[in-house]
Amino acid sequence: MTTATSVFVTEPGDRSVLELREHDVPEPGPGEVQVEVAAAGVNFIDVYKRQGVYTVPTPFVLGEEGAGTVVAVGPGVERFATGDRVAWCQSAGSESTLANKPASALVHVPDGLDLEVAAAAMLQGLTAHYLVTSTFAVSEGDVALVHAAAGGVGQLLVQMVTQRGATVVATAGTDEKLSIATDLGAQHVINYSQFSAPEDLSAAIRAAAGRGVDVAYDGVGKATFDASLASLRPRGTMVLFGGASGQVPPFDIQRLNSGGSLFLTRPTLGHYVATREEYEWRAGEVLGAIADGSLRLEIGGRYAFAEVADAYEALEGRRTTGKLVLVPGR
C-alpha cells in the first residue's frame, strides 16, 4: 500500500468543495497499471462533475486525463511494463500523484514527447481529431466555423481543419486570442464580444465566409448556439460538443427545417474511442503529430495541486488560451 495526494470533490458545488487529501493506493489489481502521474489535464468535464451536472457520488478524485510513468503492473497486463511512459483520457481519478488505471485506458507516449504535453493532448486532442475526421469529415473546400479558437480544443481544430484543405472562420473574445487563431492558420477571425445579438454575429460570420458555413464547431454552448445555427448553409452541420458558457436550453426542432434542413449533433468522445483500435488510431495520430512538430499544442498554464482552485477559476472564467495542466511536483 502506497500513499498518494489527490484532488477530491467533497460534495457538489463551486470551487470551494475541492480539497487535497492523502490516501492509500492499493497495489494494481488484475488488468490494472499503477502510474506515477507527471501531469493531469484541467477540463470542463471536471467542472460539470464537480457541479453535479454529471452525477458522481462524493467524495471522488477529480480529473479525466493525464500522463506519467508506469511503476507497477497488475496480473494479466501484457501491453505495458514498469518504466513505460503512458497517457490516458476518460479515466476518472487522474488528479493524483499516484493512480491505478485500467490498462485499456492507456496508450504509449512517443519517445521525445514531454509527459506534460502528452497529458495536455489527450482529451482535447482526441476530441478535435474525432470532430474533423468523423463527426463532420472536413474536406478540401469546406468552410468551418470554430468558436473559442484560442482555447485548447479550438487551437487544435483550427490546425486540423486547415491541414485538411478547408477554410476556418475563427471566433474568440479578445484581439489577442484572435491573433493566436490567425497564427495557427485561420483565414478569417471575428471578435464575438463585439456582438450582443446572435443575428449580428451570424451575419458577420456569413460575411467573412462569403456564404453559410458547412460546419459549426461549438464548444461554447449557450452564448453562441443561436449564432452558430444561423451561420450554417442549407444542409449544414451544427456540432455542439461542449457548454463552456452554460448548457443550451431546449429549442424548437423546426428551426432545423426552417434553417435549411440542418443537421445537429451533440457528440462525446467516448463514442468515438469505443474500440481499442479506434482509440489507438486517434491517440497515435495526435501524439505523433505533436511529437514530429506538425501539430502545435500550447500549454497555457501549469498549476501545482495546491493551486487547483485557481486553475479551475481561470478555466471557468474563459481567461485562458491553450491547455491548463496540474503538475504534482510543481
C-alpha atoms as a PDB file:
ATOM      1  CA  MET A   1       0.000   0.000   0.000  1.00  0.00           C
ATOM      2  CA  THR A   2       1.355   3.393  -1.046  1.00  0.00           C
ATOM      3  CA  THR A   3       0.222   6.887  -0.104  1.00  0.00           C
ATOM      4  CA  ALA A   4      -0.923   9.415  -2.724  1.00  0.00           C
ATOM      5  CA  THR A   5      -2.079  13.020  -2.640  1.00  0.00           C
ATOM      6  CA  SER A   6      -5.214  13.680  -4.681  1.00  0.00           C
ATOM      7  CA  VAL A   7      -7.722  16.415  -5.500  1.00  0.00           C
ATOM      8  CA  PHE A   8     -11.073  15.402  -4.018  1.00  0.00           C
ATOM      9  CA  VAL A   9     -14.552  16.787  -4.631  1.00  0.00           C
ATOM     10  CA  THR A  10     -16.196  16.620  -1.203  1.00  0.00           C
ATOM     11  CA  GLU A  11     -19.736  17.457  -2.390  1.00  0.00           C
ATOM     12  CA  PRO A  12     -21.347  19.008  -5.489  1.00  0.00           C
ATOM     13  CA  GLY A  13     -20.681  22.733  -5.644  1.00  0.00           C
ATOM     14  CA  ASP A  14     -18.312  25.534  -6.560  1.00  0.00           C
ATOM     15  CA  ARG A  15     -14.523  25.504  -6.327  1.00  0.00           C
ATOM     16  CA  SER A  16     -14.679  25.646  -2.525  1.00  0.00           C
ATOM     17  CA  VAL A  17     -15.567  21.922  -2.453  1.00  0.00           C
ATOM     18  CA  LEU A  18     -12.127  20.988  -3.816  1.00  0.00           C
ATOM     19  CA  GLU A  19      -9.833  19.533  -1.171  1.00  0.00           C
ATOM     20  CA  LEU A  20      -6.363  17.962  -1.192  1.00  0.00           C
ATOM     21  CA  ARG A  21      -6.229  14.678   0.709  1.00  0.00           C
ATOM     22  CA  GLU A  22      -3.656  11.991   1.340  1.00  0.00           C
ATOM     23  CA  HIS A  23      -4.934   8.436   0.991  1.00  0.00           C
ATOM     24  CA  ASP A  24      -3.740   4.897   0.487  1.00  0.00           C
ATOM     25  CA  VAL A  25      -3.434   3.422  -3.012  1.00  0.00           C
ATOM     26  CA  PRO A  26      -3.523  -0.384  -3.179  1.00  0.00           C
ATOM     27  CA  GLU A  27      -1.361  -2.482  -5.463  1.00  0.00           C
ATOM     28  CA  PRO A  28      -2.769  -2.626  -9.006  1.00  0.00           C
ATOM     29  CA  GLY A  29      -5.368  -5.337  -9.465  1.00  0.00           C
ATOM     30  CA  PRO A  30      -5.980  -7.619 -12.449  1.00  0.00           C
ATOM     31  CA  GLY A  31      -5.812  -5.653 -15.695  1.00  0.00           C
ATOM     32  CA  GLU A  32      -4.586  -2.519 -13.894  1.00  0.00           C
ATOM     33  CA  VAL A  33      -1.437  -0.447 -14.138  1.00  0.00           C
ATOM     34  CA  GLN A  34      -0.101   1.836 -11.407  1.00  0.00           C
ATOM     35  CA  VAL A  35       1.185   5.151 -12.715  1.00  0.00           C
ATOM     36  CA  GLU A  36       3.239   7.897 -11.132  1.00  0.00           C
ATOM     37  CA  VAL A  37       1.405  10.898 -12.536  1.00  0.00           C
ATOM     38  CA  ALA A  38       3.544  13.578 -14.203  1.00  0.00           C
ATOM     39  CA  ALA A  39       0.641  15.873 -15.101  1.00  0.00           C
ATOM     40  CA  ALA A  40      -3.152  15.875 -15.248  1.00  0.00           C
ATOM     41  CA  GLY A  41      -5.309  17.876 -17.640  1.00  0.00           C
ATOM     42  CA  VAL A  42      -7.809  20.518 -16.500  1.00  0.00           C
ATOM     43  CA  ASN A  43     -11.097  20.207 -18.396  1.00  0.00           C
ATOM     44  CA  PHE A  44     -14.681  21.407 -18.401  1.00  0.00           C
ATOM     45  CA  ILE A  45     -15.920  17.866 -17.817  1.00  0.00           C
ATOM     46  CA  ASP A  46     -14.275  18.147 -14.389  1.00  0.00           C
ATOM     47  CA  VAL A  47     -16.371  21.275 -13.764  1.00  0.00           C
ATOM     48  CA  TYR A  48     -19.573  19.519 -14.805  1.00  0.00           C
ATOM     49  CA  LYS A  49     -18.809  16.632 -12.441  1.00  0.00           C
ATOM     50  CA  ARG A  50     -17.870  18.945  -9.581  1.00  0.00           C
ATOM     51  CA  GLN A  51     -21.042  20.995 -10.024  1.00  0.00           C
ATOM     52  CA  GLY A  52     -23.260  17.919 -10.202  1.00  0.00           C
ATOM     53  CA  VAL A  53     -24.285  18.437 -13.851  1.00  0.00           C
ATOM     54  CA  TYR A  54     -22.896  14.928 -14.304  1.00  0.00           C
ATOM     55  CA  THR A  55     -23.829  12.984 -11.185  1.00  0.00           C
ATOM     56  CA  VAL A  56     -20.921  11.297  -9.405  1.00  0.00           C
ATOM     57  CA  PRO A  57     -21.143  10.009  -5.810  1.00  0.00           C
ATOM     58  CA  THR A  58     -18.962  12.081  -3.483  1.00  0.00           C
ATOM     59  CA  PRO A  59     -16.263  12.171  -2.330  1.00  0.00           C
ATOM     60  CA  PHE A  60     -14.339  11.393  -5.503  1.00  0.00           C
ATOM     61  CA  VAL A  61     -10.953  12.187  -7.037  1.00  0.00           C
ATOM     62  CA  LEU A  62     -11.258  14.712  -9.861  1.00  0.00           C
ATOM     63  CA  GLY A  63      -9.644  14.508 -13.289  1.00  0.00           C
ATOM     64  CA  GLU A  64     -10.174  12.602 -16.549  1.00  0.00           C
ATOM     65  CA  GLU A  65      -6.785  12.654 -18.286  1.00  0.00           C
ATOM     66  CA  GLY A  66      -3.099  12.598 -17.586  1.00  0.00           C
ATOM     67  CA  ALA A  67       0.281  11.111 -18.324  1.00  0.00           C
ATOM     68  CA  GLY A  68       3.040   9.532 -16.317  1.00  0.00           C
ATOM     69  CA  THR A  69       5.355   6.577 -15.827  1.00  0.00           C
ATOM     70  CA  VAL A  70       4.322   3.015 -15.043  1.00  0.00           C
ATOM     71  CA  VAL A  71       5.626   1.922 -11.628  1.00  0.00           C
ATOM     72  CA  ALA A  72       3.780  -1.395 -11.261  1.00  0.00           C
ATOM     73  CA  VAL A  73       1.546  -3.690 -13.312  1.00  0.00           C
ATOM     74  CA  GLY A  74      -1.210  -5.979 -12.115  1.00  0.00           C
ATOM     75  CA  PRO A  75      -1.908  -9.581 -13.073  1.00  0.00           C
ATOM     76  CA  GLY A  76      -2.801 -10.184 -16.703  1.00  0.00           C
ATOM     77  CA  VAL A  77      -1.318  -6.974 -18.088  1.00  0.00           C
ATOM     78  CA  GLU A  78       0.796  -7.672 -21.176  1.00  0.00           C
ATOM     79  CA  ARG A  79       0.746  -4.426 -23.124  1.00  0.00           C
ATOM     80  CA  PHE A  80       2.633  -2.326 -20.534  1.00  0.00           C
ATOM     81  CA  ALA A  81       5.697  -2.736 -18.315  1.00  0.00           C
ATOM     82  CA  THR A  82       7.386  -0.857 -15.493  1.00  0.00           C
ATOM     83  CA  GLY A  83       9.120   2.248 -16.834  1.00  0.00           C
ATOM     84  CA  ASP A  84       6.770   2.763 -19.798  1.00  0.00           C
ATOM     85  CA  ARG A  85       5.645   6.324 -20.462  1.00  0.00           C
ATOM     86  CA  VAL A  86       1.873   6.373 -20.849  1.00  0.00           C
ATOM     87  CA  ALA A  87      -1.059   8.737 -21.273  1.00  0.00           C
ATOM     88  CA  TRP A  88      -4.814   8.401 -20.943  1.00  0.00           C
ATOM     89  CA  CYS A  89      -8.146  10.173 -21.096  1.00  0.00           C
ATOM     90  CA  GLN A  90     -11.653   9.444 -19.875  1.00  0.00           C
ATOM     91  CA  SER A  91     -10.287   7.679 -16.823  1.00  0.00           C
ATOM     92  CA  ALA A  92     -11.622   9.131 -13.592  1.00  0.00           C
ATOM     93  CA  GLY A  93      -9.406   9.990 -10.652  1.00  0.00           C
ATOM     94  CA  SER A  94      -6.471  11.385 -12.588  1.00  0.00           C
ATOM     95  CA  GLU A  95      -5.634  14.389 -10.383  1.00  0.00           C
ATOM     96  CA  SER A  96      -3.443  12.353  -8.077  1.00  0.00           C
ATOM     97  CA  THR A  97       0.256  11.800  -7.521  1.00  0.00           C
ATOM     98  CA  LEU A  98      -0.258   8.061  -7.960  1.00  0.00           C
ATOM     99  CA  ALA A  99      -3.158   6.281  -9.640  1.00  0.00           C
ATOM    100  CA  ASN A 100      -4.229   2.801 -10.632  1.00  0.00           C
ATOM    101  CA  LYS A 101      -5.551   2.819 -14.206  1.00  0.00           C
ATOM    102  CA  PRO A 102      -7.133   0.125 -16.363  1.00  0.00           C
ATOM    103  CA  ALA A 103      -4.569  -0.945 -18.939  1.00  0.00           C
ATOM    104  CA  SER A 104      -7.313  -0.492 -21.537  1.00  0.00           C
ATOM    105  CA  ALA A 105      -7.329   3.266 -20.806  1.00  0.00           C
ATOM    106  CA  LEU A 106      -3.624   3.747 -21.544  1.00  0.00           C
ATOM    107  CA  VAL A 107      -1.618   4.454 -24.669  1.00  0.00           C
ATOM    108  CA  HIS A 108       2.141   4.693 -25.096  1.00  0.00           C
ATOM    109  CA  VAL A 109       3.702   8.142 -25.341  1.00  0.00           C
ATOM    110  CA  PRO A 110       6.141   8.559 -28.261  1.00  0.00           C
ATOM    111  CA  ASP A 111       9.815   8.940 -27.402  1.00  0.00           C
ATOM    112  CA  GLY A 112      10.820  12.565 -27.100  1.00  0.00           C
ATOM    113  CA  LEU A 113       7.343  13.867 -26.296  1.00  0.00           C
ATOM    114  CA  ASP A 114       7.199  15.588 -22.909  1.00  0.00           C
ATOM    115  CA  LEU A 115       4.779  13.931 -20.500  1.00  0.00           C
ATOM    116  CA  GLU A 116       3.169  17.240 -19.567  1.00  0.00           C
ATOM    117  CA  VAL A 117       2.425  17.860 -23.246  1.00  0.00           C
ATOM    118  CA  ALA A 118       1.078  14.329 -23.624  1.00  0.00           C
ATOM    119  CA  ALA A 119      -1.251  14.886 -20.680  1.00  0.00           C
ATOM    120  CA  ALA A 120      -2.445  18.142 -22.227  1.00  0.00           C
ATOM    121  CA  ALA A 121      -3.057  16.495 -25.587  1.00  0.00           C
ATOM    122  CA  MET A 122      -5.242  13.546 -24.809  1.00  0.00           C
ATOM    123  CA  LEU A 123      -8.807  14.662 -24.177  1.00  0.00           C
ATOM    124  CA  GLN A 124      -8.799  17.793 -26.305  1.00  0.00           C
ATOM    125  CA  GLY A 125      -6.548  16.358 -28.987  1.00  0.00           C
ATOM    126  CA  LEU A 126      -8.686  13.279 -29.478  1.00  0.00           C
ATOM    127  CA  THR A 127     -11.795  15.444 -29.344  1.00  0.00           C
ATOM    128  CA  ALA A 128     -10.519  17.680 -32.144  1.00  0.00           C
ATOM    129  CA  HIS A 129      -9.495  14.577 -34.094  1.00  0.00           C
ATOM    130  CA  TYR A 130     -12.906  12.893 -34.000  1.00  0.00           C
ATOM    131  CA  LEU A 131     -14.686  16.174 -34.733  1.00  0.00           C
ATOM    132  CA  VAL A 132     -12.824  16.785 -38.003  1.00  0.00           C
ATOM    133  CA  THR A 133     -12.424  13.168 -39.142  1.00  0.00           C
ATOM    134  CA  SER A 134     -15.707  11.562 -38.110  1.00  0.00           C
ATOM    135  CA  THR A 135     -18.450  13.825 -36.730  1.00  0.00           C
ATOM    136  CA  PHE A 136     -18.075  16.005 -39.812  1.00  0.00           C
ATOM    137  CA  ALA A 137     -15.351  14.736 -42.109  1.00  0.00           C
ATOM    138  CA  VAL A 138     -13.769  18.008 -43.222  1.00  0.00           C
ATOM    139  CA  SER A 139     -12.530  18.041 -46.792  1.00  0.00           C
ATOM    140  CA  GLU A 140     -10.902  20.491 -49.179  1.00  0.00           C
ATOM    141  CA  GLY A 141     -13.132  23.453 -49.995  1.00  0.00           C
ATOM    142  CA  ASP A 142     -15.260  23.261 -46.851  1.00  0.00           C
ATOM    143  CA  VAL A 143     -15.765  26.297 -44.628  1.00  0.00           C
ATOM    144  CA  ALA A 144     -15.726  25.598 -40.893  1.00  0.00           C
ATOM    145  CA  LEU A 145     -16.696  27.866 -38.016  1.00  0.00           C
ATOM    146  CA  VAL A 146     -14.558  27.361 -34.902  1.00  0.00           C
ATOM    147  CA  HIS A 147     -15.654  29.125 -31.716  1.00  0.00           C
ATOM    148  CA  ALA A 148     -13.201  29.782 -28.850  1.00  0.00           C
ATOM    149  CA  ALA A 149     -10.449  29.287 -31.390  1.00  0.00           C
ATOM    150  CA  ALA A 150      -7.648  30.134 -28.945  1.00  0.00           C
ATOM    151  CA  GLY A 151      -8.759  27.543 -26.395  1.00  0.00           C
ATOM    152  CA  GLY A 152      -7.391  24.035 -26.033  1.00  0.00           C
ATOM    153  CA  VAL A 153      -9.714  22.304 -28.500  1.00  0.00           C
ATOM    154  CA  GLY A 154     -10.052  25.416 -30.629  1.00  0.00           C
ATOM    155  CA  GLN A 155      -6.350  25.736 -31.397  1.00  0.00           C
ATOM    156  CA  LEU A 156      -6.180  22.105 -32.456  1.00  0.00           C
ATOM    157  CA  LEU A 157      -9.353  22.384 -34.539  1.00  0.00           C
ATOM    158  CA  VAL A 158      -8.008  25.389 -36.434  1.00  0.00           C
ATOM    159  CA  GLN A 159      -4.864  23.468 -37.337  1.00  0.00           C
ATOM    160  CA  MET A 160      -6.580  20.194 -38.241  1.00  0.00           C
ATOM    161  CA  VAL A 161      -9.266  21.854 -40.349  1.00  0.00           C
ATOM    162  CA  THR A 162      -6.678  23.938 -42.201  1.00  0.00           C
ATOM    163  CA  GLN A 163      -4.447  20.926 -42.803  1.00  0.00           C
ATOM    164  CA  ARG A 164      -7.396  19.183 -44.473  1.00  0.00           C
ATOM    165  CA  GLY A 165      -7.674  21.989 -47.020  1.00  0.00           C
ATOM    166  CA  ALA A 166     -10.671  23.796 -45.551  1.00  0.00           C
ATOM    167  CA  THR A 167     -11.237  27.434 -44.630  1.00  0.00           C
ATOM    168  CA  VAL A 168     -11.576  28.438 -40.977  1.00  0.00           C
ATOM    169  CA  VAL A 169     -13.720  31.262 -39.650  1.00  0.00           C
ATOM    170  CA  ALA A 170     -12.497  31.604 -36.071  1.00  0.00           C
ATOM    171  CA  THR A 171     -14.101  33.488 -33.203  1.00  0.00           C
ATOM    172  CA  ALA A 172     -12.719  34.497 -29.820  1.00  0.00           C
ATOM    173  CA  GLY A 173     -13.402  37.110 -27.176  1.00  0.00           C
ATOM    174  CA  THR A 174     -10.256  39.259 -27.443  1.00  0.00           C
ATOM    175  CA  ASP A 175      -7.985  40.526 -30.200  1.00  0.00           C
ATOM    176  CA  GLU A 176      -5.058  38.748 -28.527  1.00  0.00           C
ATOM    177  CA  LYS A 177      -6.863  35.428 -28.841  1.00  0.00           C
ATOM    178  CA  LEU A 178      -7.751  36.188 -32.461  1.00  0.00           C
ATOM    179  CA  SER A 179      -4.052  36.708 -33.185  1.00  0.00           C
ATOM    180  CA  ILE A 180      -3.373  33.202 -31.903  1.00  0.00           C
ATOM    181  CA  ALA A 181      -6.023  31.774 -34.233  1.00  0.00           C
ATOM    182  CA  THR A 182      -4.573  33.680 -37.194  1.00  0.00           C
ATOM    183  CA  ASP A 183      -1.091  32.422 -36.384  1.00  0.00           C
ATOM    184  CA  LEU A 184      -2.416  28.849 -36.428  1.00  0.00           C
ATOM    185  CA  GLY A 185      -3.957  29.234 -39.882  1.00  0.00           C
ATOM    186  CA  ALA A 186      -7.441  30.715 -39.506  1.00  0.00           C
ATOM    187  CA  GLN A 187      -8.246  32.714 -42.628  1.00  0.00           C
ATOM    188  CA  HIS A 188     -10.991  34.834 -41.030  1.00  0.00           C
ATOM    189  CA  VAL A 189     -11.279  35.974 -37.402  1.00  0.00           C
ATOM    190  CA  ILE A 190     -14.167  37.614 -35.516  1.00  0.00           C
ATOM    191  CA  ASN A 191     -14.268  39.068 -32.011  1.00  0.00           C
ATOM    192  CA  TYR A 192     -17.630  37.807 -30.779  1.00  0.00           C
ATOM    193  CA  SER A 193     -17.555  40.072 -27.731  1.00  0.00           C
ATOM    194  CA  GLN A 194     -18.429  42.944 -30.071  1.00  0.00           C
ATOM    195  CA  PHE A 195     -21.832  41.459 -30.889  1.00  0.00           C
ATOM    196  CA  SER A 196     -24.720  41.443 -28.429  1.00  0.00           C
ATOM    197  CA  ALA A 197     -27.304  39.892 -30.745  1.00  0.00           C
ATOM    198  CA  PRO A 198     -26.931  36.398 -32.267  1.00  0.00           C
ATOM    199  CA  GLU A 199     -28.173  37.604 -35.641  1.00  0.00           C
ATOM    200  CA  ASP A 200     -25.415  40.210 -35.791  1.00  0.00           C
ATOM    201  CA  LEU A 201     -22.735  37.637 -35.010  1.00  0.00           C
ATOM    202  CA  SER A 202     -24.116  35.181 -37.566  1.00  0.00           C
ATOM    203  CA  ALA A 203     -24.227  37.968 -40.175  1.00  0.00           C
ATOM    204  CA  ALA A 204     -20.555  38.724 -39.503  1.00  0.00           C
ATOM    205  CA  ILE A 205     -19.671  35.035 -39.831  1.00  0.00           C
ATOM    206  CA  ARG A 206     -21.533  34.746 -43.140  1.00  0.00           C
ATOM    207  CA  ALA A 207     -19.889  37.908 -44.428  1.00  0.00           C
ATOM    208  CA  ALA A 208     -16.435  36.599 -43.545  1.00  0.00           C
ATOM    209  CA  ALA A 209     -17.101  33.205 -45.121  1.00  0.00           C
ATOM    210  CA  GLY A 210     -18.814  34.618 -48.193  1.00  0.00           C
ATOM    211  CA  ARG A 211     -21.658  32.152 -47.572  1.00  0.00           C
ATOM    212  CA  GLY A 212     -23.062  29.938 -44.882  1.00  0.00           C
ATOM    213  CA  VAL A 213     -20.525  27.631 -43.257  1.00  0.00           C
ATOM    214  CA  ASP A 214     -20.558  23.887 -43.888  1.00  0.00           C
ATOM    215  CA  VAL A 215     -19.965  23.033 -40.238  1.00  0.00           C
ATOM    216  CA  ALA A 216     -20.033  24.937 -36.963  1.00  0.00           C
ATOM    217  CA  TYR A 217     -17.829  23.529 -34.187  1.00  0.00           C
ATOM    218  CA  ASP A 218     -19.282  24.993 -30.994  1.00  0.00           C
ATOM    219  CA  GLY A 219     -17.907  24.127 -27.573  1.00  0.00           C
ATOM    220  CA  VAL A 220     -19.103  27.380 -26.018  1.00  0.00           C
ATOM    221  CA  GLY A 221     -22.769  26.422 -25.912  1.00  0.00           C
ATOM    222  CA  LYS A 222     -25.464  28.742 -24.628  1.00  0.00           C
ATOM    223  CA  ALA A 223     -23.808  32.042 -25.605  1.00  0.00           C
ATOM    224  CA  THR A 224     -23.057  31.109 -29.217  1.00  0.00           C
ATOM    225  CA  PHE A 225     -25.546  28.373 -30.140  1.00  0.00           C
ATOM    226  CA  ASP A 226     -28.120  30.598 -31.861  1.00  0.00           C
ATOM    227  CA  ALA A 227     -25.489  32.398 -33.916  1.00  0.00           C
ATOM    228  CA  SER A 228     -23.861  29.094 -34.881  1.00  0.00           C
ATOM    229  CA  LEU A 229     -27.143  27.646 -36.098  1.00  0.00           C
ATOM    230  CA  ALA A 230     -27.924  30.781 -38.102  1.00  0.00           C
ATOM    231  CA  SER A 231     -24.467  30.711 -39.706  1.00  0.00           C
ATOM    232  CA  LEU A 232     -24.946  27.380 -41.451  1.00  0.00           C
ATOM    233  CA  ARG A 233     -25.579  26.841 -45.133  1.00  0.00           C
ATOM    234  CA  PRO A 234     -28.577  24.697 -46.136  1.00  0.00           C
ATOM    235  CA  ARG A 235     -27.905  21.109 -45.032  1.00  0.00           C
ATOM    236  CA  GLY A 236     -25.016  22.346 -42.891  1.00  0.00           C
ATOM    237  CA  THR A 237     -23.984  20.600 -39.685  1.00  0.00           C
ATOM    238  CA  MET A 238     -24.115  22.055 -36.187  1.00  0.00           C
ATOM    239  CA  VAL A 239     -21.668  20.255 -33.888  1.00  0.00           C
ATOM    240  CA  LEU A 240     -22.330  21.166 -30.254  1.00  0.00           C
ATOM    241  CA  PHE A 241     -19.526  19.483 -28.314  1.00  0.00           C
ATOM    242  CA  GLY A 242     -19.488  21.481 -25.072  1.00  0.00           C
ATOM    243  CA  GLY A 243     -21.074  24.159 -22.923  1.00  0.00           C
ATOM    244  CA  ALA A 244     -18.352  26.461 -21.595  1.00  0.00           C
ATOM    245  CA  SER A 245     -20.885  29.305 -21.268  1.00  0.00           C
ATOM    246  CA  GLY A 246     -23.698  27.072 -19.991  1.00  0.00           C
ATOM    247  CA  GLN A 247     -25.957  24.365 -21.319  1.00  0.00           C
ATOM    248  CA  VAL A 248     -28.164  25.065 -24.335  1.00  0.00           C
ATOM    249  CA  PRO A 249     -31.859  25.097 -23.325  1.00  0.00           C
ATOM    250  CA  PRO A 250     -34.450  23.021 -25.203  1.00  0.00           C
ATOM    251  CA  PHE A 251     -35.466  24.559 -28.519  1.00  0.00           C
ATOM    252  CA  ASP A 252     -37.993  24.082 -31.323  1.00  0.00           C
ATOM    253  CA  ILE A 253     -36.630  21.379 -33.621  1.00  0.00           C
ATOM    254  CA  GLN A 254     -38.446  23.027 -36.528  1.00  0.00           C
ATOM    255  CA  ARG A 255     -35.592  25.539 -36.527  1.00  0.00           C
ATOM    256  CA  LEU A 256     -33.526  22.860 -38.257  1.00  0.00           C
ATOM    257  CA  ASN A 257     -36.153  22.740 -41.019  1.00  0.00           C
ATOM    258  CA  SER A 258     -36.516  26.480 -41.484  1.00  0.00           C
ATOM    259  CA  GLY A 259     -32.737  26.956 -41.370  1.00  0.00           C
ATOM    260  CA  GLY A 260     -32.298  24.741 -44.425  1.00  0.00           C
ATOM    261  CA  SER A 261     -32.661  21.069 -43.430  1.00  0.00           C
ATOM    262  CA  LEU A 262     -29.837  21.431 -40.945  1.00  0.00           C
ATOM    263  CA  PHE A 263     -28.123  18.676 -39.004  1.00  0.00           C
ATOM    264  CA  LEU A 264     -27.488  18.939 -35.261  1.00  0.00           C
ATOM    265  CA  THR A 265     -25.358  16.569 -33.206  1.00  0.00           C
ATOM    266  CA  ARG A 266     -24.165  16.542 -29.608  1.00  0.00           C
ATOM    267  CA  PRO A 267     -21.187  14.163 -29.725  1.00  0.00           C
ATOM    268  CA  THR A 268     -18.979  12.931 -26.928  1.00  0.00           C
ATOM    269  CA  LEU A 269     -15.514  11.395 -27.093  1.00  0.00           C
ATOM    270  CA  GLY A 270     -16.464   8.065 -25.553  1.00  0.00           C
ATOM    271  CA  HIS A 271     -18.492   7.063 -28.590  1.00  0.00           C
ATOM    272  CA  TYR A 272     -15.529   7.781 -30.866  1.00  0.00           C
ATOM    273  CA  VAL A 273     -12.975   5.690 -28.971  1.00  0.00           C
ATOM    274  CA  ALA A 274     -15.324   2.777 -28.342  1.00  0.00           C
ATOM    275  CA  THR A 275     -12.808   0.189 -29.541  1.00  0.00           C
ATOM    276  CA  ARG A 276      -9.126  -0.264 -28.757  1.00  0.00           C
ATOM    277  CA  GLU A 277      -8.309   0.088 -32.449  1.00  0.00           C
ATOM    278  CA  GLU A 278     -10.083   3.436 -32.761  1.00  0.00           C
ATOM    279  CA  TYR A 279      -8.575   4.727 -29.520  1.00  0.00           C
ATOM    280  CA  GLU A 280      -5.028   3.842 -30.588  1.00  0.00           C
ATOM    281  CA  TRP A 281      -5.610   5.290 -34.073  1.00  0.00           C
ATOM    282  CA  ARG A 282      -6.735   8.652 -32.761  1.00  0.00           C
ATOM    283  CA  ALA A 283      -4.155   8.850 -29.980  1.00  0.00           C
ATOM    284  CA  GLY A 284      -1.372   7.690 -32.286  1.00  0.00           C
ATOM    285  CA  GLU A 285      -2.158  10.336 -34.904  1.00  0.00           C
ATOM    286  CA  VAL A 286      -2.482  13.156 -32.370  1.00  0.00           C
ATOM    287  CA  LEU A 287       0.550  12.345 -30.214  1.00  0.00           C
ATOM    288  CA  GLY A 288       2.610  11.503 -33.273  1.00  0.00           C
ATOM    289  CA  ALA A 289       1.778  14.808 -34.956  1.00  0.00           C
ATOM    290  CA  ILE A 290       2.709  16.759 -31.834  1.00  0.00           C
ATOM    291  CA  ALA A 291       5.937  14.770 -31.490  1.00  0.00           C
ATOM    292  CA  ASP A 292       7.006  15.454 -35.101  1.00  0.00           C
ATOM    293  CA  GLY A 293       6.032  19.119 -34.916  1.00  0.00           C
ATOM    294  CA  SER A 294       3.230  19.077 -37.491  1.00  0.00           C
ATOM    295  CA  LEU A 295       0.677  19.896 -34.776  1.00  0.00           C
ATOM    296  CA  ARG A 296       1.277  22.626 -32.210  1.00  0.00           C
ATOM    297  CA  LEU A 297      -0.078  22.384 -28.689  1.00  0.00           C
ATOM    298  CA  GLU A 298       0.111  25.267 -26.249  1.00  0.00           C
ATOM    299  CA  ILE A 299       0.155  24.695 -22.506  1.00  0.00           C
ATOM    300  CA  GLY A 300      -1.452  27.889 -21.291  1.00  0.00           C
ATOM    301  CA  GLY A 301      -0.757  27.335 -17.610  1.00  0.00           C
ATOM    302  CA  ARG A 302       0.864  24.925 -15.189  1.00  0.00           C
ATOM    303  CA  TYR A 303      -0.530  24.734 -11.651  1.00  0.00           C
ATOM    304  CA  ALA A 304       0.530  22.897  -8.512  1.00  0.00           C
ATOM    305  CA  PHE A 305      -2.089  20.697  -6.840  1.00  0.00           C
ATOM    306  CA  ALA A 306      -2.363  23.333  -4.095  1.00  0.00           C
ATOM    307  CA  GLU A 307      -3.411  25.808  -6.815  1.00  0.00           C
ATOM    308  CA  VAL A 308      -6.194  23.632  -8.215  1.00  0.00           C
ATOM    309  CA  ALA A 309      -8.952  26.145  -7.407  1.00  0.00           C
ATOM    310  CA  ASP A 310      -7.009  28.833  -9.262  1.00  0.00           C
ATOM    311  CA  ALA A 311      -6.702  26.567 -12.303  1.00  0.00           C
ATOM    312  CA  TYR A 312     -10.445  25.985 -12.486  1.00  0.00           C
ATOM    313  CA  GLU A 313     -11.188  29.655 -11.833  1.00  0.00           C
ATOM    314  CA  ALA A 314      -9.089  30.524 -14.892  1.00  0.00           C
ATOM    315  CA  LEU A 315     -10.778  27.820 -16.975  1.00  0.00           C
ATOM    316  CA  GLU A 316     -14.331  28.695 -15.970  1.00  0.00           C
ATOM    317  CA  GLY A 317     -13.670  32.404 -16.430  1.00  0.00           C
ATOM    318  CA  ARG A 318     -12.592  31.677 -20.023  1.00  0.00           C
ATOM    319  CA  ARG A 319      -9.462  33.740 -19.448  1.00  0.00           C
ATOM    320  CA  THR A 320      -7.140  31.085 -20.787  1.00  0.00           C
ATOM    321  CA  THR A 321      -5.523  30.167 -24.063  1.00  0.00           C
ATOM    322  CA  GLY A 322      -4.283  26.685 -24.790  1.00  0.00           C
ATOM    323  CA  LYS A 323      -4.493  23.915 -22.231  1.00  0.00           C
ATOM    324  CA  LEU A 324      -4.118  24.028 -18.447  1.00  0.00           C
ATOM    325  CA  VAL A 325      -2.421  21.207 -16.533  1.00  0.00           C
ATOM    326  CA  LEU A 326      -1.876  20.289 -12.907  1.00  0.00           C
ATOM    327  CA  VAL A 327       1.673  19.190 -12.118  1.00  0.00           C
ATOM    328  CA  PRO A 328       2.044  17.235  -8.846  1.00  0.00           C
ATOM    329  CA  GLY A 329       5.707  18.071  -8.345  1.00  0.00           C
ATOM    330  CA  ARG A 330       5.398  21.763  -9.126  1.00  0.00           C
END
